[in-house]
C-alpha atoms as a PDB file:
ATOM      1  CA  MET A   1      78.521  80.877 100.696  1.00  0.00           C
ATOM      2  CA  LEU A   2      79.554  77.092  99.647  1.00  0.00           C
ATOM      3  CA  GLU A   3      82.966  79.030  99.947  1.00  0.00           C
ATOM      4  CA  MET A   4      82.777  80.989 103.640  1.00  0.00           C
ATOM      5  CA  ASN A   5      81.081  77.810 104.572  1.00  0.00           C
ATOM      6  CA  LEU A   6      84.379  75.708 103.570  1.00  0.00           C
ATOM      7  CA  ILE A   7      86.724  79.008 105.364  1.00  0.00           C
ATOM      8  CA  PHE A   8      84.996  78.598 108.260  1.00  0.00           C
ATOM      9  CA  PHE A   9      85.222  74.432 108.124  1.00  0.00           C
ATOM     10  CA  MET A  10      89.526  74.982 107.213  1.00  0.00           C
ATOM     11  CA  ILE A  11      89.431  77.215 110.183  1.00  0.00           C
ATOM     12  CA  ILE A  12      87.599  75.467 112.513  1.00  0.00           C
ATOM     13  CA  PHE A  13      90.087  72.627 110.653  1.00  0.00           C
ATOM     14  CA  THR A  14      93.770  74.248 111.955  1.00  0.00           C
ATOM     15  CA  ALA A  15      92.614  75.067 115.106  1.00  0.00           C
ATOM     16  CA  ILE A  16      92.324  71.529 116.404  1.00  0.00           C
ATOM     17  CA  LEU A  17      95.258  70.820 114.555  1.00  0.00           C
ATOM     18  CA  PHE A  18      96.986  73.149 115.983  1.00  0.00           C
ATOM     19  CA  LEU A  19      96.077  72.301 119.323  1.00  0.00           C
ATOM     20  CA  LEU A  20      97.008  68.564 118.426  1.00  0.00           C
ATOM     21  CA  ASN A  21     100.688  70.274 117.785  1.00  0.00           C
ATOM     22  CA  LEU A  22      99.845  68.369 113.875  1.00  0.00           C
ATOM     23  CA  LYS A  23     102.322  71.658 112.726  1.00  0.00           C
ATOM     24  CA  LEU A  24     103.324  68.946 109.158  1.00  0.00           C
ATOM     25  CA  LEU A  25      99.822  69.244 109.239  1.00  0.00           C
ATOM     26  CA  ILE A  26      98.968  72.467 109.286  1.00  0.00           C
ATOM     27  CA  PHE A  27     101.960  73.266 106.895  1.00  0.00           C
ATOM     28  CA  MET A  28     100.553  71.108 104.280  1.00  0.00           C
ATOM     29  CA  LEU A  29      96.816  73.093 104.708  1.00  0.00           C
ATOM     30  CA  ILE A  30      98.407  76.294 103.961  1.00  0.00           C
ATOM     31  CA  CYS A  31     100.672  74.876 101.006  1.00  0.00           C
ATOM     32  CA  ILE A  32      96.457  73.159  99.734  1.00  0.00           C
ATOM     33  CA  GLU A  33      95.194  76.895 100.200  1.00  0.00           C
ATOM     34  CA  PHE A  34      96.791  78.213  98.079  1.00  0.00           C
ATOM     35  CA  LEU A  35      97.012  76.406  95.238  1.00  0.00           C
ATOM     36  CA  SER A  36      93.164  77.091  95.546  1.00  0.00           C
ATOM     37  CA  LEU A  37      93.845  80.762  95.760  1.00  0.00           C
ATOM     38  CA  ILE A  38      95.730  80.089  92.211  1.00  0.00           C
ATOM     39  CA  LEU A  39      92.920  78.116  90.770  1.00  0.00           C
ATOM     40  CA  VAL A  40      90.106  79.969  91.871  1.00  0.00           C
ATOM     41  CA  ILE A  41      92.118  83.164  90.233  1.00  0.00           C
ATOM     42  CA  TYR A  42      92.147  81.248  86.758  1.00  0.00           C
ATOM     43  CA  PHE A  43      88.538  79.633  86.725  1.00  0.00           C
ATOM     44  CA  LEU A  44      86.491  83.125  88.282  1.00  0.00           C
ATOM     45  CA  TYR A  45      88.744  85.143  85.546  1.00  0.00           C
ATOM     46  CA  PHE A  46      86.065  83.332  83.129  1.00  0.00           C
ATOM     47  CA  VAL A  47      82.716  83.241  84.849  1.00  0.00           C
ATOM     48  CA  ASN A  48      82.713  86.418  87.229  1.00  0.00           C
ATOM     49  CA  PHE A  49      85.455  89.117  86.776  1.00  0.00           C
ATOM     50  CA  TYR A  50      83.202  91.049  90.137  1.00  0.00           C
ATOM     51  CA  PHE A  51      83.438  87.779  91.857  1.00  0.00           C
ATOM     52  CA  ILE A  52      87.442  87.639  91.945  1.00  0.00           C
ATOM     53  CA  PHE A  53      87.718  90.869  94.346  1.00  0.00           C
ATOM     54  CA  LEU A  54      86.163  88.863  97.251  1.00  0.00           C
ATOM     55  CA  ILE A  55      86.538  85.486  96.627  1.00  0.00           C
ATOM     56  CA  LEU A  56      90.236  86.433  96.636  1.00  0.00           C
ATOM     57  CA  PHE A  57      90.326  89.010 100.090  1.00  0.00           C
ATOM     58  CA  ILE A  58      88.340  86.157 101.781  1.00  0.00           C
ATOM     59  CA  GLN A  59      90.938  83.875  99.982  1.00  0.00           C
ATOM     60  CA  VAL A  60      93.893  86.145 101.771  1.00  0.00           C
ATOM     61  CA  PHE A  61      93.131  86.338 104.228  1.00  0.00           C
ATOM     62  CA  GLU A  62      93.005  82.975 105.573  1.00  0.00           C
ATOM     63  CA  SER A  63      96.786  82.201 104.015  1.00  0.00           C
ATOM     64  CA  VAL A  64      97.948  84.786 106.354  1.00  0.00           C
ATOM     65  CA  PHE A  65      95.951  83.620 109.445  1.00  0.00           C
ATOM     66  CA  LEU A  66      97.528  80.366 109.209  1.00  0.00           C
ATOM     67  CA  LEU A  67     100.501  81.785 108.774  1.00  0.00           C
ATOM     68  CA  MET A  68      99.843  83.525 112.045  1.00  0.00           C
ATOM     69  CA  MET A  69      98.635  80.674 113.407  1.00  0.00           C
ATOM     70  CA  THR A  70     101.908  78.155 112.324  1.00  0.00           C
ATOM     71  CA  PHE A  71     104.874  80.711 112.817  1.00  0.00           C
ATOM     72  CA  SER A  72     103.213  81.647 116.458  1.00  0.00           C
ATOM     73  CA  SER A  73     104.779  79.264 118.496  1.00  0.00           C
ATOM     74  CA  PHE A  74     107.936  79.608 117.103  1.00  0.00           C
ATOM     75  CA  SER A  75     110.495  82.289 118.800  1.00  0.00           C
ATOM     76  CA  SER A  76     112.830  82.559 116.496  1.00  0.00           C
ATOM     77  CA  SER A  77     111.913  85.027 113.896  1.00  0.00           C
ATOM     78  CA  ASN A  78     114.005  83.156 111.004  1.00  0.00           C
ATOM     79  CA  ASN A  79     110.638  81.888 108.755  1.00  0.00           C
ATOM     80  CA  ALA A  80     112.737  79.570 106.881  1.00  0.00           C
ATOM     81  CA  GLU A  81     114.171  78.251 110.074  1.00  0.00           C
ATOM     82  CA  ASN A  82     110.416  77.692 110.979  1.00  0.00           C
ATOM     83  CA  LEU A  83     109.594  75.714 107.678  1.00  0.00           C
ATOM     84  CA  MET A  84     112.617  73.642 108.113  1.00  0.00           C
ATOM     85  CA  LYS A  85     111.726  72.759 112.127  1.00  0.00           C
ATOM     86  CA  ILE A  86     107.725  71.857 110.729  1.00  0.00           C
ATOM     87  CA  VAL A  87     108.832  69.294 107.900  1.00  0.00           C
ATOM     88  CA  ASN A  88     111.012  67.938 109.995  1.00  0.00           C
END
């Protein structure tokens, strides 16, 4: 339940950052999301194996959602150029 509340908060927080046009912070949030995905897989493997699938589904969905929000504002389809636009 705590994971669901955290995900809801992160989606709302990302939407606010996106509306404020803070693309660097959104990019950093995506990096943190992928790191948390790796940590969740590592820790839950030793705690509860069956719970991994739910957490994986939620984390992957949220990561894809964040990536889609970040790259939807760019007209170019080249992701490498889009990443450079975010950082600069």
